[in-house]
């Protein structure tokens, strides 16, 4: 396989942070008298702030204080990750192998850039990435392909020769729409028939990516 670059999602793919974020959303909502369920929070997976607001306003109504609850949740989430970011298994092994092979890498995340940079720094992996495109740097959130197209552009790579590593449905949709080879490493979202159709491959962990490339 000719691989010019590997484009990584962040939350749920590199870092085991999705469960923490989900729990904090539910807790913050409850503190303000709102019942937010795990299925509600799942709508936010893989999308940026603007898209998340659109989805929640459609679901809860125009009076739902999305920005206030998000800001409070992000503040708690950021503080929690300031000293420790839990890595998904085999992340370091994969990054080391890609570096050995001279394959450039980028992060394409729906999270804002400040938090992306903090997480990469705290996790000790920032040196492994040559480019970052964050959720507040694109007009169109995943599942639109913009974030991964910008990643490929920054690395000077043809999207058709890029691998996208994702755990979320919207991320796989975005990678496929970008014309990349989108590989799903499931975390909280199990593969569906749609994912089986869109994904170039579905692998159980990042370890298998090493053998796949």
N, C-alpha and C. Protein backbone atom coordinates (compact mmCIF):
# COMPACT_ATOMS: atom_id res chain seq x y z
N UNK A 1 0.84 -1.19 0.00
CA UNK A 1 0.00 0.00 0.00
C UNK A 1 0.88 1.25 0.00
N UNK A 2 0.60 2.20 -0.90
CA UNK A 2 1.34 3.45 -0.94
C UNK A 2 0.71 4.45 0.02
N UNK A 3 1.42 4.75 1.10
CA UNK A 3 0.90 5.65 2.13
C UNK A 3 1.79 6.89 2.22
N UNK A 4 1.22 8.04 1.89
CA UNK A 4 1.97 9.29 1.98
C UNK A 4 1.87 9.93 3.36
N UNK A 5 0.77 9.67 4.07
CA UNK A 5 0.58 10.28 5.39
C UNK A 5 -0.50 9.52 6.15
N UNK A 6 -0.43 9.63 7.47
CA UNK A 6 -1.47 9.06 8.34
C UNK A 6 -2.07 10.18 9.17
N UNK A 7 -3.39 10.30 9.10
CA UNK A 7 -4.12 11.39 9.75
C UNK A 7 -4.90 10.82 10.93
N UNK A 8 -4.61 11.33 12.11
CA UNK A 8 -5.18 10.80 13.35
C UNK A 8 -6.30 11.67 13.88
N UNK A 9 -7.40 11.06 14.26
CA UNK A 9 -8.36 11.71 15.15
C UNK A 9 -7.69 11.74 16.53
N UNK A 10 -8.31 12.44 17.50
CA UNK A 10 -7.70 12.51 18.83
C UNK A 10 -8.51 11.76 19.88
N UNK A 11 -9.63 12.34 20.32
CA UNK A 11 -10.41 11.76 21.41
C UNK A 11 -11.01 10.42 21.00
N UNK A 12 -10.74 9.40 21.81
CA UNK A 12 -11.29 8.08 21.53
C UNK A 12 -10.43 7.25 20.60
N UNK A 13 -9.53 7.90 19.86
CA UNK A 13 -8.64 7.20 18.94
C UNK A 13 -7.24 7.12 19.53
N UNK A 14 -6.68 8.27 19.86
CA UNK A 14 -5.36 8.30 20.50
C UNK A 14 -5.47 8.28 22.02
N UNK A 15 -6.46 9.00 22.53
CA UNK A 15 -6.60 9.17 23.97
C UNK A 15 -7.93 8.59 24.46
N UNK A 16 -7.89 7.96 25.62
CA UNK A 16 -9.10 7.35 26.19
C UNK A 16 -9.85 8.41 26.99
N UNK A 17 -10.48 9.33 26.25
CA UNK A 17 -11.11 10.51 26.88
C UNK A 17 -12.61 10.59 26.65
N UNK A 18 -13.16 9.76 25.78
CA UNK A 18 -14.58 9.88 25.44
C UNK A 18 -15.48 9.61 26.66
N UNK A 19 -15.14 8.59 27.43
CA UNK A 19 -15.98 8.26 28.59
C UNK A 19 -15.97 9.39 29.62
N UNK A 20 -14.80 9.97 29.82
CA UNK A 20 -14.68 11.09 30.75
C UNK A 20 -15.53 12.26 30.28
N UNK A 21 -15.45 12.60 29.00
CA UNK A 21 -16.23 13.72 28.46
C UNK A 21 -17.73 13.46 28.56
N UNK A 22 -18.13 12.25 28.24
CA UNK A 22 -19.56 11.91 28.31
C UNK A 22 -20.08 12.07 29.73
N UNK A 23 -19.34 11.55 30.70
CA UNK A 23 -19.76 11.65 32.09
C UNK A 23 -19.86 13.08 32.57
N UNK A 24 -18.93 13.91 32.13
CA UNK A 24 -18.95 15.31 32.55
C UNK A 24 -20.12 16.07 31.94
N UNK A 25 -20.46 15.74 30.69
CA UNK A 25 -21.63 16.37 30.07
C UNK A 25 -22.90 16.02 30.86
N UNK A 26 -23.05 14.76 31.19
CA UNK A 26 -24.24 14.32 31.92
C UNK A 26 -24.30 14.97 33.30
N UNK A 27 -23.15 15.05 33.97
CA UNK A 27 -23.09 15.67 35.29
C UNK A 27 -23.40 17.16 35.23
N UNK A 28 -22.83 17.85 34.26
CA UNK A 28 -23.08 19.29 34.12
C UNK A 28 -24.55 19.56 33.84
N UNK A 29 -25.14 18.78 32.95
CA UNK A 29 -26.56 18.94 32.67
C UNK A 29 -27.41 18.76 33.91
N UNK A 30 -27.11 17.70 34.68
CA UNK A 30 -27.87 17.42 35.90
C UNK A 30 -27.74 18.56 36.91
N UNK A 31 -26.56 19.15 37.00
CA UNK A 31 -26.34 20.27 37.93
C UNK A 31 -27.21 21.47 37.60
N UNK A 32 -27.64 21.56 36.34
CA UNK A 32 -28.47 22.69 35.90
C UNK A 32 -29.91 22.26 35.61
N UNK A 33 -30.27 21.06 36.05
CA UNK A 33 -31.65 20.61 35.92
C UNK A 33 -32.02 19.98 34.60
N UNK A 34 -31.02 19.58 33.81
CA UNK A 34 -31.29 18.96 32.51
C UNK A 34 -30.90 17.48 32.54
N UNK A 35 -31.77 16.65 31.99
CA UNK A 35 -31.46 15.23 31.88
C UNK A 35 -30.82 14.97 30.52
N UNK A 36 -29.52 14.73 30.53
CA UNK A 36 -28.78 14.43 29.31
C UNK A 36 -28.36 12.97 29.39
N UNK A 37 -28.75 12.20 28.42
CA UNK A 37 -28.50 10.76 28.43
C UNK A 37 -27.23 10.41 27.64
N UNK A 38 -26.70 9.21 27.84
CA UNK A 38 -25.55 8.78 27.04
C UNK A 38 -25.81 8.85 25.54
N UNK A 39 -27.03 8.54 25.11
CA UNK A 39 -27.33 8.61 23.67
C UNK A 39 -27.36 10.05 23.19
N UNK A 40 -27.75 10.99 24.07
CA UNK A 40 -27.70 12.41 23.70
C UNK A 40 -26.26 12.84 23.47
N UNK A 41 -25.40 12.49 24.42
CA UNK A 41 -23.99 12.89 24.32
C UNK A 41 -23.32 12.25 23.11
N UNK A 42 -23.77 11.06 22.74
CA UNK A 42 -23.18 10.38 21.58
C UNK A 42 -23.34 11.19 20.30
N UNK A 43 -24.36 12.06 20.25
CA UNK A 43 -24.55 12.90 19.07
C UNK A 43 -23.38 13.86 18.88
N UNK A 44 -22.68 14.19 19.97
CA UNK A 44 -21.60 15.16 19.91
C UNK A 44 -20.28 14.54 19.47
N UNK A 45 -20.23 13.23 19.42
CA UNK A 45 -18.97 12.56 19.15
C UNK A 45 -18.50 12.84 17.73
N UNK A 46 -17.31 13.40 17.63
CA UNK A 46 -16.72 13.64 16.32
C UNK A 46 -17.13 14.94 15.66
N UNK A 47 -17.88 15.81 16.36
CA UNK A 47 -18.29 17.09 15.75
C UNK A 47 -17.71 18.25 16.55
N UNK A 48 -17.62 19.42 15.89
CA UNK A 48 -17.09 20.59 16.59
C UNK A 48 -18.19 21.33 17.32
N UNK A 49 -17.82 22.47 17.93
CA UNK A 49 -18.76 23.21 18.77
C UNK A 49 -20.00 23.65 18.01
N UNK A 50 -19.82 24.21 16.83
CA UNK A 50 -20.96 24.73 16.07
C UNK A 50 -21.94 23.63 15.68
N UNK A 51 -21.41 22.51 15.23
CA UNK A 51 -22.28 21.40 14.84
C UNK A 51 -22.95 20.79 16.06
N UNK A 52 -22.21 20.69 17.17
CA UNK A 52 -22.80 20.17 18.40
C UNK A 52 -23.95 21.03 18.88
N UNK A 53 -23.78 22.33 18.80
CA UNK A 53 -24.85 23.25 19.21
C UNK A 53 -26.08 23.06 18.33
N UNK A 54 -25.88 22.95 17.04
CA UNK A 54 -26.99 22.74 16.11
C UNK A 54 -27.76 21.47 16.47
N UNK A 55 -27.03 20.40 16.72
CA UNK A 55 -27.68 19.11 17.03
C UNK A 55 -28.44 19.17 18.34
N UNK A 56 -27.85 19.80 19.37
CA UNK A 56 -28.51 19.85 20.67
C UNK A 56 -29.70 20.80 20.66
N UNK A 57 -29.62 21.90 19.94
CA UNK A 57 -30.75 22.83 19.86
C UNK A 57 -31.93 22.16 19.15
N UNK A 58 -31.62 21.38 18.13
CA UNK A 58 -32.68 20.64 17.43
C UNK A 58 -33.30 19.60 18.35
N UNK A 59 -32.49 19.01 19.21
CA UNK A 59 -32.96 17.93 20.08
C UNK A 59 -33.68 18.45 21.32
N UNK A 60 -33.11 19.46 21.97
CA UNK A 60 -33.64 19.95 23.24
C UNK A 60 -34.50 21.20 23.11
N UNK A 61 -34.40 21.89 21.98
CA UNK A 61 -35.16 23.12 21.79
C UNK A 61 -34.27 24.35 21.80
N UNK A 62 -34.80 25.43 21.26
CA UNK A 62 -34.02 26.66 21.07
C UNK A 62 -33.60 27.32 22.37
N UNK A 63 -34.28 27.00 23.48
CA UNK A 63 -33.94 27.63 24.76
C UNK A 63 -32.85 26.87 25.52
N UNK A 64 -32.38 25.77 24.98
CA UNK A 64 -31.36 24.98 25.68
C UNK A 64 -30.06 25.77 25.76
N UNK A 65 -29.48 25.94 26.97
CA UNK A 65 -28.27 26.77 27.15
C UNK A 65 -27.00 26.02 26.78
N UNK A 66 -26.87 25.68 25.52
CA UNK A 66 -25.76 24.84 25.07
C UNK A 66 -24.41 25.45 25.37
N UNK A 67 -24.23 26.72 25.02
CA UNK A 67 -22.92 27.35 25.19
C UNK A 67 -22.49 27.36 26.66
N UNK A 68 -23.41 27.68 27.54
CA UNK A 68 -23.08 27.72 28.97
C UNK A 68 -22.67 26.34 29.47
N UNK A 69 -23.45 25.32 29.12
CA UNK A 69 -23.15 23.97 29.57
C UNK A 69 -21.85 23.45 28.95
N UNK A 70 -21.64 23.76 27.68
CA UNK A 70 -20.41 23.32 27.03
C UNK A 70 -19.19 23.97 27.67
N UNK A 71 -19.26 25.28 27.90
CA UNK A 71 -18.12 25.98 28.51
C UNK A 71 -17.78 25.39 29.88
N UNK A 72 -18.81 25.10 30.66
CA UNK A 72 -18.59 24.53 31.99
C UNK A 72 -17.99 23.13 31.88
N UNK A 73 -18.52 22.34 30.95
CA UNK A 73 -18.01 20.99 30.75
C UNK A 73 -16.56 21.01 30.28
N UNK A 74 -16.26 21.87 29.32
CA UNK A 74 -14.90 21.97 28.78
C UNK A 74 -13.93 22.42 29.86
N UNK A 75 -14.36 23.34 30.72
CA UNK A 75 -13.48 23.81 31.80
C UNK A 75 -13.10 22.66 32.72
N UNK A 76 -14.09 21.85 33.10
CA UNK A 76 -13.81 20.70 33.98
C UNK A 76 -12.97 19.65 33.25
N UNK A 77 -13.29 19.43 31.98
CA UNK A 77 -12.59 18.44 31.17
C UNK A 77 -11.12 18.83 31.00
N UNK A 78 -10.90 20.10 30.68
CA UNK A 78 -9.54 20.60 30.48
C UNK A 78 -8.72 20.48 31.76
N UNK A 79 -9.33 20.85 32.88
CA UNK A 79 -8.63 20.76 34.17
C UNK A 79 -8.27 19.32 34.50
N UNK A 80 -9.17 18.41 34.19
CA UNK A 80 -8.94 16.99 34.49
C UNK A 80 -7.77 16.44 33.68
N UNK A 81 -7.61 16.94 32.45
CA UNK A 81 -6.58 16.42 31.56
C UNK A 81 -5.28 17.20 31.64
N UNK A 82 -5.22 18.21 32.49
CA UNK A 82 -4.05 19.09 32.54
C UNK A 82 -2.79 18.36 33.01
N UNK A 83 -2.97 17.31 33.81
CA UNK A 83 -1.81 16.60 34.35
C UNK A 83 -1.64 15.19 33.78
N UNK A 84 -2.71 14.63 33.27
CA UNK A 84 -2.61 13.26 32.75
C UNK A 84 -3.63 13.03 31.65
N UNK A 85 -3.15 12.52 30.52
CA UNK A 85 -4.02 12.14 29.40
C UNK A 85 -3.83 10.65 29.14
N UNK A 86 -4.87 9.84 29.36
CA UNK A 86 -4.72 8.39 29.18
C UNK A 86 -4.62 8.00 27.70
N UNK A 87 -3.59 7.25 27.36
CA UNK A 87 -3.36 6.84 25.98
C UNK A 87 -4.13 5.57 25.65
N UNK A 88 -4.60 5.48 24.42
CA UNK A 88 -5.15 4.22 23.94
C UNK A 88 -4.00 3.23 23.71
N UNK A 89 -4.27 1.95 23.87
CA UNK A 89 -3.21 0.94 23.70
C UNK A 89 -2.54 1.01 22.33
N UNK A 90 -1.23 0.84 22.33
CA UNK A 90 -0.38 0.74 21.14
C UNK A 90 -0.19 2.06 20.39
N UNK A 91 -0.62 3.18 20.97
CA UNK A 91 -0.42 4.46 20.28
C UNK A 91 1.07 4.74 20.08
N UNK A 92 1.86 4.61 21.14
CA UNK A 92 3.28 4.94 21.04
C UNK A 92 3.99 4.00 20.07
N UNK A 93 3.63 2.74 20.09
CA UNK A 93 4.25 1.79 19.16
C UNK A 93 3.96 2.18 17.71
N UNK A 94 2.73 2.59 17.44
CA UNK A 94 2.36 2.99 16.08
C UNK A 94 3.10 4.25 15.66
N UNK A 95 3.12 5.25 16.53
CA UNK A 95 3.81 6.50 16.21
C UNK A 95 5.29 6.27 15.97
N UNK A 96 5.90 5.43 16.78
CA UNK A 96 7.32 5.13 16.62
C UNK A 96 7.59 4.43 15.29
N UNK A 97 6.72 3.50 14.93
CA UNK A 97 6.89 2.77 13.67
C UNK A 97 6.72 3.70 12.46
N UNK A 98 5.75 4.59 12.52
CA UNK A 98 5.54 5.53 11.42
C UNK A 98 6.75 6.45 11.27
N UNK A 99 7.31 6.86 12.40
CA UNK A 99 8.50 7.71 12.36
C UNK A 99 9.68 6.96 11.73
N UNK A 100 9.83 5.69 12.08
CA UNK A 100 10.91 4.87 11.50
C UNK A 100 10.77 4.77 9.99
N UNK A 101 9.52 4.68 9.53
CA UNK A 101 9.27 4.52 8.10
C UNK A 101 9.26 5.85 7.35
N UNK A 102 9.37 6.94 8.08
CA UNK A 102 9.38 8.26 7.45
C UNK A 102 8.03 8.69 6.93
N UNK A 103 6.95 8.18 7.53
CA UNK A 103 5.59 8.54 7.11
C UNK A 103 5.10 9.70 7.97
N UNK A 104 4.82 10.85 7.38
CA UNK A 104 4.37 12.01 8.16
C UNK A 104 2.97 11.81 8.73
N UNK A 105 2.69 12.53 9.80
CA UNK A 105 1.42 12.38 10.50
C UNK A 105 0.83 13.74 10.84
N UNK A 106 -0.50 13.76 10.99
CA UNK A 106 -1.21 14.97 11.40
C UNK A 106 -2.36 14.58 12.31
N UNK A 107 -2.80 15.54 13.10
CA UNK A 107 -3.99 15.37 13.94
C UNK A 107 -5.13 16.16 13.32
N UNK A 108 -6.25 15.50 13.07
CA UNK A 108 -7.45 16.16 12.58
C UNK A 108 -8.57 15.94 13.57
N UNK A 109 -8.80 16.92 14.45
CA UNK A 109 -9.72 16.74 15.57
C UNK A 109 -10.85 17.77 15.54
N UNK A 110 -11.99 17.39 16.09
CA UNK A 110 -13.11 18.32 16.23
C UNK A 110 -12.98 19.17 17.49
N UNK A 111 -12.02 18.85 18.34
CA UNK A 111 -11.76 19.61 19.55
C UNK A 111 -11.05 20.92 19.20
N UNK A 112 -11.21 21.95 20.04
CA UNK A 112 -10.56 23.23 19.76
C UNK A 112 -9.04 23.10 19.90
N UNK A 113 -8.33 24.01 19.22
CA UNK A 113 -6.87 23.87 19.12
C UNK A 113 -6.16 23.95 20.46
N UNK A 114 -6.63 24.82 21.34
CA UNK A 114 -5.98 24.97 22.65
C UNK A 114 -5.96 23.63 23.38
N UNK A 115 -7.09 22.94 23.38
CA UNK A 115 -7.17 21.66 24.09
C UNK A 115 -6.41 20.57 23.35
N UNK A 116 -6.43 20.60 22.02
CA UNK A 116 -5.65 19.63 21.25
C UNK A 116 -4.17 19.75 21.60
N UNK A 117 -3.66 20.98 21.58
CA UNK A 117 -2.25 21.19 21.88
C UNK A 117 -1.91 20.80 23.31
N UNK A 118 -2.82 21.11 24.24
CA UNK A 118 -2.58 20.73 25.64
C UNK A 118 -2.51 19.22 25.78
N UNK A 119 -3.46 18.51 25.18
CA UNK A 119 -3.49 17.06 25.30
C UNK A 119 -2.26 16.40 24.68
N UNK A 120 -1.85 16.88 23.51
CA UNK A 120 -0.66 16.32 22.87
C UNK A 120 0.58 16.56 23.72
N UNK A 121 0.66 17.75 24.31
CA UNK A 121 1.81 18.10 25.15
C UNK A 121 1.84 17.25 26.43
N UNK A 122 0.71 17.19 27.12
CA UNK A 122 0.65 16.43 28.38
C UNK A 122 0.91 14.94 28.12
N UNK A 123 0.40 14.44 27.02
CA UNK A 123 0.58 13.02 26.68
C UNK A 123 2.00 12.72 26.19
N UNK A 124 2.75 13.77 25.86
CA UNK A 124 4.12 13.58 25.42
C UNK A 124 4.25 13.10 23.99
N UNK A 125 3.27 13.42 23.15
CA UNK A 125 3.31 12.92 21.76
C UNK A 125 3.35 14.04 20.73
N UNK A 126 3.42 15.29 21.16
CA UNK A 126 3.33 16.40 20.20
C UNK A 126 4.44 16.36 19.16
N UNK A 127 5.61 15.87 19.54
CA UNK A 127 6.75 15.86 18.61
C UNK A 127 6.54 14.89 17.45
N UNK A 128 5.59 13.99 17.60
CA UNK A 128 5.35 12.98 16.56
C UNK A 128 4.47 13.48 15.42
N UNK A 129 3.92 14.68 15.55
CA UNK A 129 2.98 15.18 14.54
C UNK A 129 3.52 16.43 13.86
N UNK A 130 3.41 16.43 12.54
CA UNK A 130 3.92 17.55 11.76
C UNK A 130 2.86 18.62 11.48
N UNK A 131 1.60 18.30 11.75
CA UNK A 131 0.52 19.26 11.49
C UNK A 131 -0.67 18.97 12.39
N UNK A 132 -1.44 20.02 12.65
CA UNK A 132 -2.68 19.92 13.41
C UNK A 132 -3.75 20.73 12.69
N UNK A 133 -4.95 20.17 12.58
CA UNK A 133 -6.13 20.93 12.17
C UNK A 133 -7.20 20.65 13.22
N UNK A 134 -7.65 21.72 13.88
CA UNK A 134 -8.60 21.57 14.99
C UNK A 134 -10.00 22.00 14.58
N UNK A 135 -10.95 21.67 15.45
CA UNK A 135 -12.36 21.93 15.14
C UNK A 135 -12.71 23.38 14.99
N UNK A 136 -11.97 24.27 15.67
CA UNK A 136 -12.26 25.70 15.55
C UNK A 136 -11.50 26.34 14.40
N UNK A 137 -10.86 25.52 13.57
CA UNK A 137 -10.12 26.03 12.42
C UNK A 137 -10.75 25.63 11.09
N UNK A 138 -11.91 25.01 11.15
CA UNK A 138 -12.61 24.63 9.93
C UNK A 138 -14.02 25.21 9.95
N UNK A 139 -14.54 25.47 8.78
CA UNK A 139 -15.91 25.99 8.67
C UNK A 139 -16.92 24.86 8.80
N UNK A 140 -16.57 23.72 8.22
CA UNK A 140 -17.51 22.58 8.19
C UNK A 140 -16.96 21.42 9.01
N UNK A 141 -17.68 21.09 10.08
CA UNK A 141 -17.27 20.02 10.99
C UNK A 141 -17.41 18.65 10.33
N UNK A 142 -16.69 17.66 10.89
CA UNK A 142 -17.01 16.29 10.54
C UNK A 142 -18.51 16.10 10.76
N UNK A 143 -19.21 15.42 9.88
CA UNK A 143 -18.76 14.47 8.86
C UNK A 143 -18.30 15.08 7.54
N UNK A 144 -18.26 16.41 7.44
CA UNK A 144 -17.69 17.02 6.23
C UNK A 144 -16.20 16.69 6.18
N UNK A 145 -15.61 16.65 5.00
CA UNK A 145 -14.21 16.21 4.86
C UNK A 145 -13.16 17.28 5.12
N UNK A 146 -13.58 18.51 5.41
CA UNK A 146 -12.65 19.64 5.44
C UNK A 146 -11.44 19.42 6.34
N UNK A 147 -11.66 18.89 7.54
CA UNK A 147 -10.54 18.75 8.48
C UNK A 147 -9.45 17.85 7.92
N UNK A 148 -9.82 16.77 7.27
CA UNK A 148 -8.82 15.85 6.74
C UNK A 148 -8.22 16.35 5.43
N UNK A 149 -8.99 17.06 4.65
CA UNK A 149 -8.43 17.67 3.44
C UNK A 149 -7.37 18.70 3.80
N UNK A 150 -7.62 19.46 4.87
CA UNK A 150 -6.63 20.45 5.32
C UNK A 150 -5.39 19.77 5.89
N UNK A 151 -5.58 18.67 6.58
CA UNK A 151 -4.44 17.91 7.09
C UNK A 151 -3.55 17.45 5.93
N UNK A 152 -4.18 16.86 4.93
CA UNK A 152 -3.42 16.37 3.77
C UNK A 152 -2.70 17.52 3.07
N UNK A 153 -3.39 18.65 2.95
CA UNK A 153 -2.78 19.81 2.30
C UNK A 153 -1.56 20.29 3.07
N UNK A 154 -1.67 20.35 4.39
CA UNK A 154 -0.54 20.81 5.21
C UNK A 154 0.67 19.89 5.07
N UNK A 155 0.42 18.61 4.85
CA UNK A 155 1.52 17.65 4.71
C UNK A 155 1.97 17.48 3.27
N UNK A 156 1.29 18.15 2.34
CA UNK A 156 1.63 18.02 0.93
C UNK A 156 1.33 16.65 0.38
N UNK A 157 0.28 16.02 0.91
CA UNK A 157 -0.06 14.65 0.51
C UNK A 157 -1.36 14.61 -0.29
N UNK A 158 -1.45 13.63 -1.17
CA UNK A 158 -2.68 13.38 -1.91
C UNK A 158 -3.65 12.65 -0.98
N UNK A 159 -4.86 13.18 -0.77
CA UNK A 159 -5.81 12.50 0.12
C UNK A 159 -6.01 11.02 -0.21
N UNK A 160 -5.95 10.69 -1.49
CA UNK A 160 -6.15 9.29 -1.90
C UNK A 160 -5.05 8.37 -1.37
N UNK A 161 -3.91 8.97 -1.01
CA UNK A 161 -2.80 8.19 -0.48
C UNK A 161 -2.61 8.42 1.02
N UNK A 162 -3.66 8.92 1.67
CA UNK A 162 -3.63 9.14 3.12
C UNK A 162 -4.52 8.11 3.82
N UNK A 163 -4.06 7.67 4.97
CA UNK A 163 -4.88 6.85 5.85
C UNK A 163 -5.44 7.73 6.95
N UNK A 164 -6.72 7.63 7.19
CA UNK A 164 -7.38 8.30 8.31
C UNK A 164 -7.69 7.25 9.37
N UNK A 165 -7.29 7.53 10.60
CA UNK A 165 -7.60 6.64 11.72
C UNK A 165 -8.65 7.30 12.59
N UNK A 166 -9.78 6.63 12.76
CA UNK A 166 -10.93 7.21 13.46
C UNK A 166 -11.63 6.16 14.31
N UNK A 167 -12.33 6.65 15.34
CA UNK A 167 -13.17 5.77 16.15
C UNK A 167 -14.65 6.09 16.01
N UNK A 168 -14.98 7.29 15.51
CA UNK A 168 -16.38 7.72 15.49
C UNK A 168 -17.01 7.57 14.11
N UNK A 169 -18.33 7.50 14.10
CA UNK A 169 -19.06 7.42 12.83
C UNK A 169 -18.81 8.66 11.98
N UNK A 170 -18.92 9.84 12.60
CA UNK A 170 -18.73 11.07 11.84
C UNK A 170 -17.30 11.18 11.31
N UNK A 171 -16.35 10.66 12.06
CA UNK A 171 -14.97 10.69 11.60
C UNK A 171 -14.75 9.80 10.39
N UNK A 172 -15.33 8.61 10.41
CA UNK A 172 -15.22 7.72 9.25
C UNK A 172 -15.92 8.33 8.04
N UNK A 173 -17.07 8.94 8.28
CA UNK A 173 -17.77 9.62 7.17
C UNK A 173 -16.89 10.72 6.58
N UNK A 174 -16.23 11.47 7.45
CA UNK A 174 -15.37 12.57 6.99
C UNK A 174 -14.17 12.04 6.21
N UNK A 175 -13.53 11.01 6.73
CA UNK A 175 -12.38 10.45 6.04
C UNK A 175 -12.73 9.87 4.69
N UNK A 176 -13.86 9.19 4.62
CA UNK A 176 -14.32 8.62 3.35
C UNK A 176 -14.66 9.73 2.37
N UNK A 177 -15.34 10.77 2.84
CA UNK A 177 -15.72 11.89 1.97
C UNK A 177 -14.50 12.64 1.45
N UNK A 178 -13.41 12.61 2.22
CA UNK A 178 -12.18 13.28 1.80
C UNK A 178 -11.43 12.48 0.73
N UNK A 179 -11.87 11.25 0.51
CA UNK A 179 -11.19 10.40 -0.46
C UNK A 179 -10.02 9.64 0.12
N UNK A 180 -9.92 9.65 1.45
CA UNK A 180 -8.84 8.94 2.14
C UNK A 180 -9.25 7.49 2.40
N UNK A 181 -8.28 6.70 2.81
CA UNK A 181 -8.57 5.34 3.26
C UNK A 181 -8.87 5.41 4.75
N UNK A 182 -10.15 5.38 5.10
CA UNK A 182 -10.58 5.58 6.48
C UNK A 182 -10.63 4.24 7.21
N UNK A 183 -9.82 4.12 8.25
CA UNK A 183 -9.77 2.90 9.05
C UNK A 183 -10.42 3.17 10.40
N UNK A 184 -11.37 2.33 10.76
CA UNK A 184 -12.07 2.49 12.04
C UNK A 184 -11.43 1.61 13.10
N UNK A 185 -11.11 2.25 14.24
CA UNK A 185 -10.66 1.55 15.43
C UNK A 185 -11.74 1.81 16.48
N UNK A 186 -12.73 0.95 16.61
CA UNK A 186 -13.88 1.26 17.45
C UNK A 186 -13.51 1.50 18.91
N UNK A 187 -14.19 2.47 19.51
CA UNK A 187 -14.05 2.74 20.94
C UNK A 187 -15.42 2.58 21.58
N UNK A 188 -16.20 3.65 21.63
CA UNK A 188 -17.52 3.59 22.23
C UNK A 188 -18.62 3.31 21.22
N UNK A 189 -18.33 3.53 19.95
CA UNK A 189 -19.31 3.30 18.89
C UNK A 189 -18.98 2.01 18.15
N UNK A 190 -19.81 0.98 18.26
CA UNK A 190 -19.53 -0.27 17.55
C UNK A 190 -19.73 -0.11 16.05
N UNK A 191 -19.06 -0.91 15.24
CA UNK A 191 -19.25 -0.83 13.79
C UNK A 191 -20.70 -1.12 13.40
N UNK A 192 -21.17 -0.40 12.41
CA UNK A 192 -22.52 -0.60 11.87
C UNK A 192 -22.39 -1.01 10.40
N UNK A 193 -23.48 -1.45 9.78
CA UNK A 193 -23.40 -1.74 8.34
C UNK A 193 -22.89 -0.56 7.52
N UNK A 194 -23.29 0.67 7.92
CA UNK A 194 -22.80 1.85 7.19
C UNK A 194 -21.28 1.96 7.32
N UNK A 195 -20.76 1.75 8.53
CA UNK A 195 -19.31 1.85 8.74
C UNK A 195 -18.57 0.76 7.97
N UNK A 196 -19.15 -0.42 7.92
CA UNK A 196 -18.53 -1.52 7.18
C UNK A 196 -18.44 -1.19 5.69
N UNK A 197 -19.39 -0.41 5.22
CA UNK A 197 -19.39 -0.01 3.81
C UNK A 197 -18.40 1.12 3.54
N UNK A 198 -18.34 2.10 4.46
CA UNK A 198 -17.51 3.29 4.24
C UNK A 198 -16.04 3.07 4.60
N UNK A 199 -15.79 2.28 5.62
CA UNK A 199 -14.42 2.12 6.11
C UNK A 199 -13.58 1.26 5.17
N UNK A 200 -12.34 1.67 4.99
CA UNK A 200 -11.39 0.87 4.22
C UNK A 200 -11.07 -0.42 4.97
N UNK A 201 -11.08 -0.31 6.30
CA UNK A 201 -10.89 -1.48 7.16
C UNK A 201 -11.40 -1.15 8.55
N UNK A 202 -11.77 -2.17 9.29
CA UNK A 202 -12.14 -2.02 10.70
C UNK A 202 -11.21 -2.93 11.49
N UNK A 203 -10.40 -2.33 12.36
CA UNK A 203 -9.38 -3.07 13.09
C UNK A 203 -9.64 -2.98 14.59
N UNK A 204 -9.27 -4.01 15.35
CA UNK A 204 -9.59 -4.01 16.78
C UNK A 204 -8.77 -3.05 17.62
N UNK A 205 -7.57 -2.69 17.16
CA UNK A 205 -6.73 -1.78 17.95
C UNK A 205 -5.71 -1.11 17.04
N UNK A 206 -4.97 -0.17 17.60
CA UNK A 206 -3.92 0.50 16.84
C UNK A 206 -2.77 -0.45 16.52
N UNK A 207 -2.65 -1.53 17.26
CA UNK A 207 -1.59 -2.51 16.99
C UNK A 207 -1.71 -3.07 15.59
N UNK A 208 -2.91 -3.37 15.16
CA UNK A 208 -3.11 -3.96 13.84
C UNK A 208 -2.82 -2.98 12.71
N UNK A 209 -2.85 -1.68 13.00
CA UNK A 209 -2.54 -0.68 11.97
C UNK A 209 -1.09 -0.84 11.52
N UNK A 210 -0.21 -1.16 12.46
CA UNK A 210 1.21 -1.34 12.14
C UNK A 210 1.38 -2.41 11.07
N UNK A 211 0.68 -3.51 11.22
CA UNK A 211 0.78 -4.61 10.25
C UNK A 211 0.03 -4.30 8.96
N UNK A 212 -0.96 -3.43 9.06
CA UNK A 212 -1.83 -3.15 7.92
C UNK A 212 -1.17 -2.22 6.91
N UNK A 213 -0.40 -1.27 7.41
CA UNK A 213 0.20 -0.26 6.52
C UNK A 213 1.35 -0.87 5.72
